[in-house]
């Protein structure tokens, strides 16, 4: 479940921290429930009669899982996310004077406020935000642009495998742009491309 949630090109550090924190909370709850003989999280176990020896085996496994995740993702789990990134139009206390000024200006920008309904990520990734609110953007972009998963790398390797077969192993997929075209989700403007490459009749 967590593995699937950590895939996709819309993932950012904020979402990743939320997913990992929720998973650790579930593991902690499972551990507590198993310790008192409650197996609702494990349908197969709930249909069998478990002995105390079995329970004493399961709990250490959950403890190890919790510890592994907690130490493996310590940098993300302990990351401090400024609350104004997720909710820029809320009542937020900020000690930095420059950030205060830009947040005040942002809160009075009604045009941008309309765009916030599409979510905080789309809000901050608008073209005019980095220019108008450069201080806020320089902080927010670190959480939004950084990609915390290997999903895109794996997607790239899969694309290379599909493009380069035994019969096409000499294609220059990077210099020609083949790989970039495979990975992008942008839709080409074919009409515009055709206009630029129309054959001009000789005079």
N, C-alpha and C. Protein backbone atom coordinates (compact mmCIF):
# COMPACT_ATOMS: atom_id res chain seq x y z
N UNK A 1 0.83 -1.20 0.00
CA UNK A 1 0.00 0.00 0.00
C UNK A 1 0.87 1.25 0.00
N UNK A 2 1.85 1.30 0.90
CA UNK A 2 2.74 2.46 0.97
C UNK A 2 3.53 2.59 -0.32
N UNK A 3 3.98 1.45 -0.85
CA UNK A 3 4.76 1.48 -2.09
C UNK A 3 3.98 2.12 -3.22
N UNK A 4 2.70 1.80 -3.33
CA UNK A 4 1.86 2.38 -4.38
C UNK A 4 1.65 3.88 -4.15
N UNK A 5 1.50 4.27 -2.90
CA UNK A 5 1.29 5.68 -2.59
C UNK A 5 2.52 6.52 -2.87
N UNK A 6 3.70 5.90 -2.82
CA UNK A 6 4.94 6.63 -3.07
C UNK A 6 5.33 6.60 -4.54
N UNK A 7 4.38 6.29 -5.40
CA UNK A 7 4.61 6.33 -6.84
C UNK A 7 3.81 7.46 -7.45
N UNK A 8 4.18 7.83 -8.65
CA UNK A 8 3.48 8.91 -9.34
C UNK A 8 4.33 10.16 -9.42
N UNK A 9 4.11 10.95 -10.46
CA UNK A 9 4.94 12.13 -10.66
C UNK A 9 4.43 13.37 -9.94
N UNK A 10 3.35 13.24 -9.17
CA UNK A 10 2.84 14.39 -8.41
C UNK A 10 3.30 14.34 -6.95
N UNK A 11 4.16 13.40 -6.64
CA UNK A 11 4.63 13.24 -5.26
C UNK A 11 5.58 14.37 -4.89
N UNK A 12 5.50 14.82 -3.65
CA UNK A 12 6.45 15.81 -3.14
C UNK A 12 6.81 15.44 -1.70
N UNK A 13 7.69 16.22 -1.09
CA UNK A 13 8.15 15.90 0.26
C UNK A 13 7.03 15.99 1.29
N UNK A 14 6.11 16.91 1.09
CA UNK A 14 5.01 17.07 2.04
C UNK A 14 4.10 15.85 2.02
N UNK A 15 3.74 15.40 0.82
CA UNK A 15 2.89 14.21 0.69
C UNK A 15 3.61 12.98 1.22
N UNK A 16 4.91 12.90 0.95
CA UNK A 16 5.68 11.75 1.40
C UNK A 16 5.70 11.66 2.92
N UNK A 17 5.92 12.78 3.57
CA UNK A 17 5.92 12.78 5.04
C UNK A 17 4.56 12.35 5.58
N UNK A 18 3.50 12.82 4.95
CA UNK A 18 2.15 12.45 5.39
C UNK A 18 1.90 10.96 5.23
N UNK A 19 2.33 10.40 4.10
CA UNK A 19 2.13 8.96 3.83
C UNK A 19 2.91 8.11 4.83
N UNK A 20 4.17 8.48 5.06
CA UNK A 20 5.01 7.70 5.97
C UNK A 20 4.52 7.82 7.42
N UNK A 21 4.11 9.01 7.81
CA UNK A 21 3.60 9.21 9.18
C UNK A 21 2.34 8.39 9.41
N UNK A 22 1.46 8.37 8.40
CA UNK A 22 0.23 7.59 8.52
C UNK A 22 0.53 6.09 8.61
N UNK A 23 1.51 5.64 7.83
CA UNK A 23 1.88 4.22 7.87
C UNK A 23 2.43 3.83 9.23
N UNK A 24 3.31 4.65 9.78
CA UNK A 24 3.88 4.35 11.10
C UNK A 24 2.81 4.37 12.18
N UNK A 25 1.85 5.26 12.05
CA UNK A 25 0.75 5.30 13.01
C UNK A 25 -0.08 4.02 12.94
N UNK A 26 -0.28 3.50 11.71
CA UNK A 26 -1.02 2.24 11.56
C UNK A 26 -0.25 1.07 12.15
N UNK A 27 1.06 1.04 11.91
CA UNK A 27 1.88 -0.04 12.47
C UNK A 27 1.84 -0.01 13.99
N UNK A 28 1.90 1.18 14.55
CA UNK A 28 1.85 1.32 16.01
C UNK A 28 0.51 0.82 16.55
N UNK A 29 -0.57 1.15 15.84
CA UNK A 29 -1.89 0.70 16.25
C UNK A 29 -2.01 -0.82 16.15
N UNK A 30 -1.48 -1.39 15.06
CA UNK A 30 -1.50 -2.84 14.90
C UNK A 30 -0.76 -3.52 16.04
N UNK A 31 0.38 -2.96 16.40
CA UNK A 31 1.19 -3.54 17.47
C UNK A 31 0.43 -3.53 18.79
N UNK A 32 -0.25 -2.43 19.07
CA UNK A 32 -1.02 -2.33 20.31
C UNK A 32 -2.19 -3.32 20.31
N UNK A 33 -2.86 -3.43 19.16
CA UNK A 33 -4.02 -4.33 19.08
C UNK A 33 -3.61 -5.80 19.20
N UNK A 34 -2.52 -6.16 18.52
CA UNK A 34 -2.05 -7.55 18.60
C UNK A 34 -1.64 -7.88 20.03
N UNK A 35 -1.03 -6.92 20.70
CA UNK A 35 -0.60 -7.15 22.07
C UNK A 35 -1.74 -7.49 23.01
N UNK A 36 -2.94 -7.01 22.69
CA UNK A 36 -4.10 -7.33 23.54
C UNK A 36 -5.06 -8.33 22.86
N UNK A 37 -4.52 -9.03 21.84
CA UNK A 37 -5.29 -10.11 21.23
C UNK A 37 -6.32 -9.67 20.21
N UNK A 38 -6.20 -8.47 19.69
CA UNK A 38 -7.13 -7.97 18.68
C UNK A 38 -6.47 -8.08 17.31
N UNK A 39 -7.06 -8.91 16.42
CA UNK A 39 -6.44 -9.19 15.12
C UNK A 39 -7.27 -8.69 13.94
N UNK A 40 -8.06 -7.65 14.15
CA UNK A 40 -8.94 -7.16 13.08
C UNK A 40 -8.14 -6.64 11.88
N UNK A 41 -6.90 -6.20 12.12
CA UNK A 41 -6.06 -5.73 11.01
C UNK A 41 -5.53 -6.88 10.17
N UNK A 42 -5.60 -8.08 10.69
CA UNK A 42 -5.08 -9.26 10.00
C UNK A 42 -6.20 -10.29 9.88
N UNK A 43 -6.96 -10.25 8.79
CA UNK A 43 -8.13 -11.14 8.62
C UNK A 43 -7.80 -12.62 8.78
N UNK A 44 -6.66 -13.05 8.25
CA UNK A 44 -6.31 -14.47 8.35
C UNK A 44 -6.07 -14.90 9.79
N UNK A 45 -5.42 -14.03 10.55
CA UNK A 45 -5.17 -14.35 11.96
C UNK A 45 -6.45 -14.33 12.78
N UNK A 46 -7.37 -13.44 12.42
CA UNK A 46 -8.61 -13.33 13.19
C UNK A 46 -9.48 -14.57 13.05
N UNK A 47 -9.23 -15.36 12.00
CA UNK A 47 -10.02 -16.58 11.79
C UNK A 47 -9.39 -17.80 12.45
N UNK A 48 -8.25 -17.62 13.07
CA UNK A 48 -7.58 -18.74 13.73
C UNK A 48 -7.42 -18.43 15.22
N UNK A 49 -7.10 -19.44 15.96
CA UNK A 49 -6.86 -19.26 17.39
C UNK A 49 -5.37 -19.11 17.63
N UNK A 50 -4.95 -17.92 18.02
CA UNK A 50 -3.53 -17.64 18.23
C UNK A 50 -3.16 -17.83 19.70
N UNK A 51 -2.03 -18.44 19.91
CA UNK A 51 -1.52 -18.63 21.25
C UNK A 51 -0.67 -17.42 21.66
N UNK A 52 -0.40 -17.32 22.93
CA UNK A 52 0.41 -16.21 23.42
C UNK A 52 1.82 -16.24 22.82
N UNK A 53 2.31 -17.46 22.57
CA UNK A 53 3.64 -17.57 21.96
C UNK A 53 3.66 -16.97 20.56
N UNK A 54 2.53 -17.14 19.84
CA UNK A 54 2.44 -16.57 18.50
C UNK A 54 2.46 -15.04 18.57
N UNK A 55 1.70 -14.52 19.52
CA UNK A 55 1.63 -13.06 19.67
C UNK A 55 3.00 -12.50 20.01
N UNK A 56 3.72 -13.19 20.87
CA UNK A 56 5.05 -12.72 21.27
C UNK A 56 6.03 -12.77 20.10
N UNK A 57 5.68 -13.50 19.04
CA UNK A 57 6.51 -13.54 17.84
C UNK A 57 6.16 -12.39 16.89
N UNK A 58 4.86 -12.11 16.79
CA UNK A 58 4.42 -11.07 15.85
C UNK A 58 4.82 -9.67 16.30
N UNK A 59 4.71 -9.40 17.57
CA UNK A 59 4.97 -8.05 18.08
C UNK A 59 6.41 -7.60 17.79
N UNK A 60 7.43 -8.43 18.04
CA UNK A 60 8.80 -8.00 17.70
C UNK A 60 8.98 -7.69 16.22
N UNK A 61 8.27 -8.43 15.36
CA UNK A 61 8.36 -8.15 13.92
C UNK A 61 7.81 -6.76 13.60
N UNK A 62 6.70 -6.42 14.23
CA UNK A 62 6.12 -5.10 14.02
C UNK A 62 7.02 -4.01 14.62
N UNK A 63 7.63 -4.32 15.74
CA UNK A 63 8.58 -3.37 16.34
C UNK A 63 9.76 -3.11 15.40
N UNK A 64 10.25 -4.19 14.79
CA UNK A 64 11.38 -4.06 13.87
C UNK A 64 10.98 -3.27 12.63
N UNK A 65 9.77 -3.53 12.13
CA UNK A 65 9.27 -2.80 10.96
C UNK A 65 9.16 -1.31 11.27
N UNK A 66 8.62 -1.01 12.43
CA UNK A 66 8.47 0.39 12.86
C UNK A 66 9.83 1.08 12.97
N UNK A 67 10.77 0.40 13.59
CA UNK A 67 12.11 0.98 13.78
C UNK A 67 12.84 1.18 12.46
N UNK A 68 12.69 0.21 11.55
CA UNK A 68 13.35 0.31 10.24
C UNK A 68 12.83 1.51 9.46
N UNK A 69 11.52 1.68 9.45
CA UNK A 69 10.94 2.82 8.73
C UNK A 69 11.31 4.14 9.40
N UNK A 70 11.28 4.15 10.71
CA UNK A 70 11.57 5.38 11.45
C UNK A 70 13.00 5.84 11.23
N UNK A 71 13.94 4.89 11.20
CA UNK A 71 15.34 5.25 10.99
C UNK A 71 15.65 5.49 9.51
N UNK A 72 15.01 4.70 8.64
CA UNK A 72 15.27 4.84 7.21
C UNK A 72 14.75 6.14 6.62
N UNK A 73 13.66 6.65 7.17
CA UNK A 73 13.07 7.89 6.66
C UNK A 73 13.12 9.00 7.71
N UNK A 74 14.14 8.95 8.54
CA UNK A 74 14.25 9.93 9.63
C UNK A 74 14.30 11.36 9.11
N UNK A 75 15.03 11.57 8.00
CA UNK A 75 15.17 12.93 7.48
C UNK A 75 13.83 13.51 7.03
N UNK A 76 12.97 12.66 6.47
CA UNK A 76 11.66 13.14 6.02
C UNK A 76 10.69 13.27 7.19
N UNK A 77 10.71 12.30 8.09
CA UNK A 77 9.77 12.31 9.21
C UNK A 77 10.03 13.46 10.18
N UNK A 78 11.29 13.89 10.29
CA UNK A 78 11.62 14.98 11.21
C UNK A 78 11.65 16.34 10.51
N UNK A 79 11.30 16.34 9.26
CA UNK A 79 11.32 17.57 8.46
C UNK A 79 10.24 18.54 8.95
N UNK A 80 10.62 19.79 9.12
CA UNK A 80 9.68 20.82 9.57
C UNK A 80 9.13 21.55 8.34
N UNK A 81 7.83 21.45 8.15
CA UNK A 81 7.18 22.06 6.99
C UNK A 81 6.47 23.34 7.44
N UNK A 82 6.84 24.48 6.88
CA UNK A 82 6.13 25.72 7.24
C UNK A 82 4.64 25.59 6.96
N UNK A 83 3.79 25.88 7.93
CA UNK A 83 2.34 25.69 7.73
C UNK A 83 1.75 26.55 6.62
N UNK A 84 2.39 27.67 6.30
CA UNK A 84 1.82 28.55 5.27
C UNK A 84 1.97 27.97 3.87
N UNK A 85 2.82 26.94 3.69
CA UNK A 85 2.93 26.32 2.37
C UNK A 85 1.64 25.56 2.05
N UNK A 86 1.11 24.86 3.03
CA UNK A 86 -0.11 24.08 2.83
C UNK A 86 -1.35 24.97 2.91
N UNK A 87 -1.30 25.97 3.77
CA UNK A 87 -2.45 26.85 3.95
C UNK A 87 -1.99 28.31 4.01
N UNK A 88 -1.69 28.90 2.85
CA UNK A 88 -1.15 30.26 2.83
C UNK A 88 -2.16 31.34 3.23
N UNK A 89 -3.44 30.99 3.24
CA UNK A 89 -4.47 31.98 3.56
C UNK A 89 -5.03 31.82 4.97
N UNK A 90 -4.35 31.06 5.79
CA UNK A 90 -4.79 30.89 7.17
C UNK A 90 -4.12 31.90 8.09
N UNK A 91 -4.50 31.87 9.35
CA UNK A 91 -3.87 32.73 10.36
C UNK A 91 -2.58 32.06 10.81
N UNK A 92 -1.47 32.56 10.31
CA UNK A 92 -0.18 31.92 10.56
C UNK A 92 0.77 32.91 11.22
N UNK A 93 1.42 32.46 12.28
CA UNK A 93 2.42 33.28 12.95
C UNK A 93 3.78 33.01 12.32
N UNK A 94 4.43 34.06 11.88
CA UNK A 94 5.74 33.94 11.24
C UNK A 94 6.65 35.02 11.81
N UNK A 95 7.84 34.60 12.26
CA UNK A 95 8.76 35.54 12.91
C UNK A 95 9.60 36.32 11.90
N UNK A 96 9.85 35.71 10.73
CA UNK A 96 10.66 36.39 9.72
C UNK A 96 9.87 37.55 9.11
N UNK A 97 10.44 38.76 9.19
CA UNK A 97 9.72 39.96 8.75
C UNK A 97 9.47 39.94 7.25
N UNK A 98 10.46 39.51 6.47
CA UNK A 98 10.31 39.49 5.01
C UNK A 98 9.22 38.50 4.60
N UNK A 99 9.20 37.34 5.25
CA UNK A 99 8.16 36.36 4.96
C UNK A 99 6.80 36.91 5.37
N UNK A 100 6.75 37.62 6.50
CA UNK A 100 5.50 38.24 6.94
C UNK A 100 4.95 39.18 5.88
N UNK A 101 5.84 40.00 5.31
CA UNK A 101 5.40 40.97 4.31
C UNK A 101 4.82 40.29 3.08
N UNK A 102 5.52 39.27 2.59
CA UNK A 102 5.04 38.59 1.39
C UNK A 102 3.76 37.81 1.67
N UNK A 103 3.65 37.22 2.86
CA UNK A 103 2.42 36.51 3.22
C UNK A 103 1.24 37.48 3.31
N UNK A 104 1.50 38.69 3.81
CA UNK A 104 0.45 39.70 3.90
C UNK A 104 -0.02 40.10 2.50
N UNK A 105 0.94 40.30 1.60
CA UNK A 105 0.59 40.63 0.22
C UNK A 105 -0.17 39.48 -0.44
N UNK A 106 0.28 38.27 -0.16
CA UNK A 106 -0.37 37.09 -0.74
C UNK A 106 -1.81 36.96 -0.26
N UNK A 107 -2.03 37.25 1.01
CA UNK A 107 -3.37 37.12 1.59
C UNK A 107 -4.36 38.13 1.01
N UNK A 108 -3.85 39.20 0.45
CA UNK A 108 -4.73 40.22 -0.13
C UNK A 108 -4.88 40.06 -1.64
N UNK A 109 -4.20 39.07 -2.21
CA UNK A 109 -4.28 38.83 -3.65
C UNK A 109 -5.46 37.89 -3.93
N UNK A 110 -6.59 38.48 -4.29
CA UNK A 110 -7.81 37.69 -4.49
C UNK A 110 -7.76 36.84 -5.75
N UNK A 111 -6.99 37.26 -6.74
CA UNK A 111 -6.87 36.46 -7.96
C UNK A 111 -6.18 35.13 -7.67
N UNK A 112 -5.12 35.19 -6.88
CA UNK A 112 -4.42 33.95 -6.53
C UNK A 112 -5.27 33.09 -5.60
N UNK A 113 -6.05 33.72 -4.76
CA UNK A 113 -6.88 32.98 -3.81
C UNK A 113 -7.83 32.03 -4.54
N UNK A 114 -8.31 32.44 -5.69
CA UNK A 114 -9.22 31.60 -6.48
C UNK A 114 -8.50 30.33 -6.93
N UNK A 115 -7.21 30.46 -7.26
CA UNK A 115 -6.44 29.32 -7.74
C UNK A 115 -6.12 28.31 -6.64
N UNK A 116 -6.24 28.72 -5.39
CA UNK A 116 -5.88 27.84 -4.28
C UNK A 116 -6.83 26.65 -4.16
N UNK A 117 -8.02 26.76 -4.76
CA UNK A 117 -8.98 25.66 -4.69
C UNK A 117 -8.47 24.41 -5.40
N UNK A 118 -7.47 24.57 -6.28
CA UNK A 118 -6.89 23.43 -6.99
C UNK A 118 -5.83 22.70 -6.17
N UNK A 119 -5.58 23.17 -4.95
CA UNK A 119 -4.59 22.52 -4.10
C UNK A 119 -3.34 23.35 -3.94
N UNK A 120 -2.62 23.11 -2.85
CA UNK A 120 -1.45 23.94 -2.56
C UNK A 120 -0.33 23.75 -3.58
N UNK A 121 -0.18 22.53 -4.12
CA UNK A 121 0.92 22.30 -5.06
C UNK A 121 0.70 23.08 -6.35
N UNK A 122 -0.49 22.98 -6.92
CA UNK A 122 -0.79 23.74 -8.13
C UNK A 122 -0.74 25.24 -7.87
N UNK A 123 -1.10 25.63 -6.67
CA UNK A 123 -1.09 27.04 -6.31
C UNK A 123 0.33 27.61 -6.38
N UNK A 124 1.28 26.93 -5.75
CA UNK A 124 2.65 27.44 -5.70
C UNK A 124 3.38 27.28 -7.04
N UNK A 125 2.93 26.38 -7.88
CA UNK A 125 3.61 26.14 -9.16
C UNK A 125 3.10 27.04 -10.28
N UNK A 126 2.30 28.03 -9.95
CA UNK A 126 1.86 28.99 -10.96
C UNK A 126 3.05 29.83 -11.43
N UNK A 127 3.00 30.24 -12.67
CA UNK A 127 4.14 30.93 -13.28
C UNK A 127 4.48 32.26 -12.60
N UNK A 128 3.47 32.97 -12.10
CA UNK A 128 3.73 34.30 -11.55
C UNK A 128 4.16 34.28 -10.09
N UNK A 129 4.00 33.16 -9.40
CA UNK A 129 4.35 33.10 -7.98
C UNK A 129 5.84 33.29 -7.73
N UNK A 130 6.74 32.59 -8.46
CA UNK A 130 8.18 32.79 -8.20
C UNK A 130 8.64 34.23 -8.41
N UNK A 131 7.97 34.95 -9.30
CA UNK A 131 8.38 36.33 -9.58
C UNK A 131 7.82 37.28 -8.53
N UNK A 132 6.54 37.13 -8.22
CA UNK A 132 5.88 38.06 -7.31
C UNK A 132 6.23 37.80 -5.85
N UNK A 133 6.38 36.54 -5.49
CA UNK A 133 6.66 36.18 -4.09
C UNK A 133 7.91 35.30 -4.04
N UNK A 134 9.02 35.90 -4.39
CA UNK A 134 10.28 35.14 -4.54
C UNK A 134 10.77 34.53 -3.23
N UNK A 135 10.59 35.24 -2.12
CA UNK A 135 11.05 34.72 -0.82
C UNK A 135 10.25 33.48 -0.43
N UNK A 136 8.94 33.57 -0.56
CA UNK A 136 8.08 32.42 -0.24
C UNK A 136 8.37 31.26 -1.18
N UNK A 137 8.56 31.58 -2.45
CA UNK A 137 8.80 30.53 -3.44
C UNK A 137 10.10 29.79 -3.18
N UNK A 138 11.15 30.50 -2.81
CA UNK A 138 12.44 29.87 -2.56
C UNK A 138 12.37 28.87 -1.40
N UNK A 139 11.44 29.07 -0.50
CA UNK A 139 11.25 28.12 0.60
C UNK A 139 10.33 26.98 0.17
N UNK A 140 9.22 27.34 -0.47
CA UNK A 140 8.21 26.34 -0.84
C UNK A 140 8.73 25.37 -1.89
N UNK A 141 9.53 25.85 -2.83
CA UNK A 141 9.96 24.99 -3.94
C UNK A 141 10.80 23.81 -3.47
N UNK A 142 11.50 23.96 -2.35
CA UNK A 142 12.32 22.86 -1.83
C UNK A 142 11.45 21.67 -1.43
N UNK A 143 10.23 21.96 -1.01
CA UNK A 143 9.32 20.88 -0.58
C UNK A 143 8.49 20.35 -1.74
N UNK A 144 8.32 21.16 -2.79
CA UNK A 144 7.41 20.79 -3.87
C UNK A 144 8.13 20.19 -5.07
N UNK A 145 9.34 20.67 -5.37
CA UNK A 145 10.04 20.22 -6.57
C UNK A 145 10.89 18.99 -6.29
N UNK A 146 11.47 18.91 -5.11
CA UNK A 146 12.29 17.75 -4.77
C UNK A 146 11.46 16.48 -4.86
N UNK A 147 11.99 15.48 -5.57
CA UNK A 147 11.25 14.24 -5.74
C UNK A 147 11.82 13.18 -4.81
N UNK A 148 11.05 12.76 -3.81
CA UNK A 148 11.59 11.89 -2.76
C UNK A 148 11.55 10.40 -3.06
N UNK A 149 11.14 10.02 -4.26
CA UNK A 149 11.00 8.61 -4.59
C UNK A 149 11.82 8.29 -5.83
N UNK A 150 12.12 7.02 -6.02
CA UNK A 150 12.86 6.58 -7.20
C UNK A 150 11.93 6.25 -8.36
N UNK A 151 10.67 6.63 -8.24
CA UNK A 151 9.67 6.26 -9.25
C UNK A 151 10.04 6.77 -10.64
N UNK A 152 10.45 8.05 -10.74
CA UNK A 152 10.78 8.61 -12.05
C UNK A 152 12.02 7.94 -12.65
N UNK A 153 12.97 7.60 -11.79
CA UNK A 153 14.17 6.91 -12.27
C UNK A 153 13.79 5.55 -12.84
N UNK A 154 12.95 4.83 -12.12
CA UNK A 154 12.51 3.52 -12.58
C UNK A 154 11.71 3.64 -13.88
N UNK A 155 10.90 4.70 -13.97
CA UNK A 155 10.14 4.94 -15.20
C UNK A 155 11.08 5.20 -16.37
N UNK A 156 12.15 5.95 -16.10
CA UNK A 156 13.13 6.23 -17.14
C UNK A 156 13.83 4.97 -17.62
N UNK A 157 14.22 4.11 -16.69
CA UNK A 157 14.88 2.85 -17.07
C UNK A 157 13.93 1.97 -17.89
N UNK A 158 12.66 1.95 -17.51
CA UNK A 158 11.68 1.15 -18.26
C UNK A 158 11.53 1.68 -19.68
N UNK A 159 11.52 3.02 -19.80
CA UNK A 159 11.39 3.63 -21.13
C UNK A 159 12.59 3.28 -22.01
N UNK A 160 13.79 3.33 -21.42
CA UNK A 160 15.00 2.98 -22.18
C UNK A 160 14.94 1.53 -22.63
N UNK A 161 14.48 0.66 -21.75
CA UNK A 161 14.37 -0.76 -22.10
C UNK A 161 13.41 -0.98 -23.26
N UNK A 162 12.31 -0.22 -23.26
CA UNK A 162 11.33 -0.36 -24.33
C UNK A 162 11.83 0.20 -25.66
N UNK A 163 12.62 1.28 -25.59
CA UNK A 163 13.09 1.92 -26.82
C UNK A 163 14.25 1.14 -27.44
N UNK A 164 15.20 0.77 -26.58
CA UNK A 164 16.41 0.11 -27.08
C UNK A 164 16.22 -1.41 -27.10
N UNK A 165 15.89 -1.93 -28.23
CA UNK A 165 15.82 -3.37 -28.41
C UNK A 165 17.10 -3.84 -29.09
N UNK A 166 17.20 -5.13 -29.36
CA UNK A 166 18.39 -5.66 -30.01
C UNK A 166 18.59 -5.05 -31.40
N UNK A 167 17.48 -4.74 -32.06
CA UNK A 167 17.57 -4.18 -33.40
C UNK A 167 17.73 -2.66 -33.40
N UNK A 168 17.53 -2.05 -32.23
CA UNK A 168 17.62 -0.59 -32.17
C UNK A 168 18.57 -0.17 -31.05
N UNK A 169 19.64 -0.91 -30.85
CA UNK A 169 20.52 -0.65 -29.73
C UNK A 169 21.50 0.49 -29.98
N UNK A 170 21.48 1.07 -31.17
CA UNK A 170 22.40 2.17 -31.46
C UNK A 170 21.69 3.52 -31.57
N UNK A 171 20.46 3.56 -31.17
CA UNK A 171 19.73 4.83 -31.20
C UNK A 171 20.31 5.80 -30.17
N UNK A 172 20.47 7.03 -30.56
CA UNK A 172 20.96 8.06 -29.63
C UNK A 172 19.74 8.71 -28.97
N UNK A 173 19.19 7.99 -27.99
CA UNK A 173 17.89 8.40 -27.46
C UNK A 173 17.95 9.68 -26.64
N UNK A 174 19.13 10.03 -26.13
CA UNK A 174 19.23 11.25 -25.33
C UNK A 174 19.41 12.46 -26.23
N UNK A 175 20.36 12.40 -27.15
CA UNK A 175 20.62 13.54 -28.03
C UNK A 175 19.47 13.78 -29.00
N UNK A 176 18.77 12.73 -29.41
CA UNK A 176 17.65 12.88 -30.34
C UNK A 176 16.36 13.31 -29.63
N UNK A 177 16.30 13.14 -28.33
CA UNK A 177 15.10 13.52 -27.60
C UNK A 177 14.06 12.43 -27.49
N UNK A 178 14.38 11.21 -27.95
CA UNK A 178 13.40 10.12 -27.90
C UNK A 178 12.98 9.81 -26.46
N UNK A 179 13.95 9.79 -25.56
CA UNK A 179 13.64 9.46 -24.16
C UNK A 179 12.78 10.54 -23.54
N UNK A 180 13.08 11.79 -23.82
CA UNK A 180 12.31 12.90 -23.26
C UNK A 180 10.87 12.85 -23.74
N UNK A 181 10.67 12.52 -25.01
CA UNK A 181 9.32 12.43 -25.55
C UNK A 181 8.54 11.29 -24.91
N UNK A 182 9.24 10.22 -24.57
CA UNK A 182 8.59 9.07 -23.95
C UNK A 182 8.14 9.37 -22.53
N UNK A 183 8.92 10.15 -21.80
CA UNK A 183 8.65 10.40 -20.39
C UNK A 183 7.71 11.58 -20.14
N UNK A 184 7.68 12.53 -21.07
CA UNK A 184 6.87 13.72 -20.83
C UNK A 184 5.39 13.43 -20.98
N UNK A 185 4.59 14.23 -20.28
CA UNK A 185 3.13 14.13 -20.40
C UNK A 185 2.56 15.31 -21.18
N UNK A 186 3.45 16.14 -21.71
CA UNK A 186 3.01 17.26 -22.52
C UNK A 186 2.51 16.77 -23.87
N UNK A 187 1.41 17.31 -24.33
CA UNK A 187 0.85 16.93 -25.62
C UNK A 187 1.38 17.88 -26.70
N UNK A 188 2.05 17.37 -27.71
CA UNK A 188 2.59 18.24 -28.76
C UNK A 188 1.47 18.95 -29.53
N UNK A 189 1.76 20.17 -29.95
CA UNK A 189 0.84 20.92 -30.80
C UNK A 189 1.16 20.55 -32.25
N UNK A 190 0.51 19.50 -32.73
CA UNK A 190 0.84 18.97 -34.05
C UNK A 190 0.56 19.97 -35.17
N UNK A 191 -0.52 20.73 -35.03
CA UNK A 191 -0.85 21.71 -36.06
C UNK A 191 0.26 22.75 -36.20
N UNK A 192 0.76 23.20 -35.07
CA UNK A 192 1.83 24.19 -35.09
C UNK A 192 3.12 23.61 -35.67
N UNK A 193 3.40 22.37 -35.32
CA UNK A 193 4.60 21.71 -35.84
C UNK A 193 4.52 21.51 -37.35
N UNK A 194 3.34 21.16 -37.83
CA UNK A 194 3.16 20.96 -39.27
C UNK A 194 3.30 22.27 -40.04
N UNK A 195 2.80 23.35 -39.45
CA UNK A 195 2.92 24.66 -40.11
C UNK A 195 4.38 25.06 -40.28
N UNK A 196 5.19 24.73 -39.28
CA UNK A 196 6.61 25.10 -39.34
C UNK A 196 7.38 24.27 -40.34
N UNK A 197 6.84 23.11 -40.70
CA UNK A 197 7.57 22.22 -41.60
C UNK A 197 6.84 22.00 -42.93
N UNK A 198 5.99 22.95 -43.30
CA UNK A 198 5.32 22.84 -44.59
C UNK A 198 6.32 23.00 -45.74
N UNK A 199 6.08 22.23 -46.77
CA UNK A 199 6.95 22.32 -47.95
C UNK A 199 6.61 23.58 -48.73
N UNK A 200 7.62 24.40 -48.98
CA UNK A 200 7.41 25.63 -49.73
C UNK A 200 7.63 25.36 -51.22
N UNK A 201 6.66 25.66 -52.06
CA UNK A 201 6.83 25.41 -53.50
C UNK A 201 7.93 26.30 -54.08
N UNK A 202 8.65 25.75 -55.03
CA UNK A 202 9.73 26.52 -55.65
C UNK A 202 9.16 27.60 -56.55
N UNK A 203 9.82 28.72 -56.60
CA UNK A 203 9.35 29.85 -57.41
C UNK A 203 9.90 29.74 -58.83
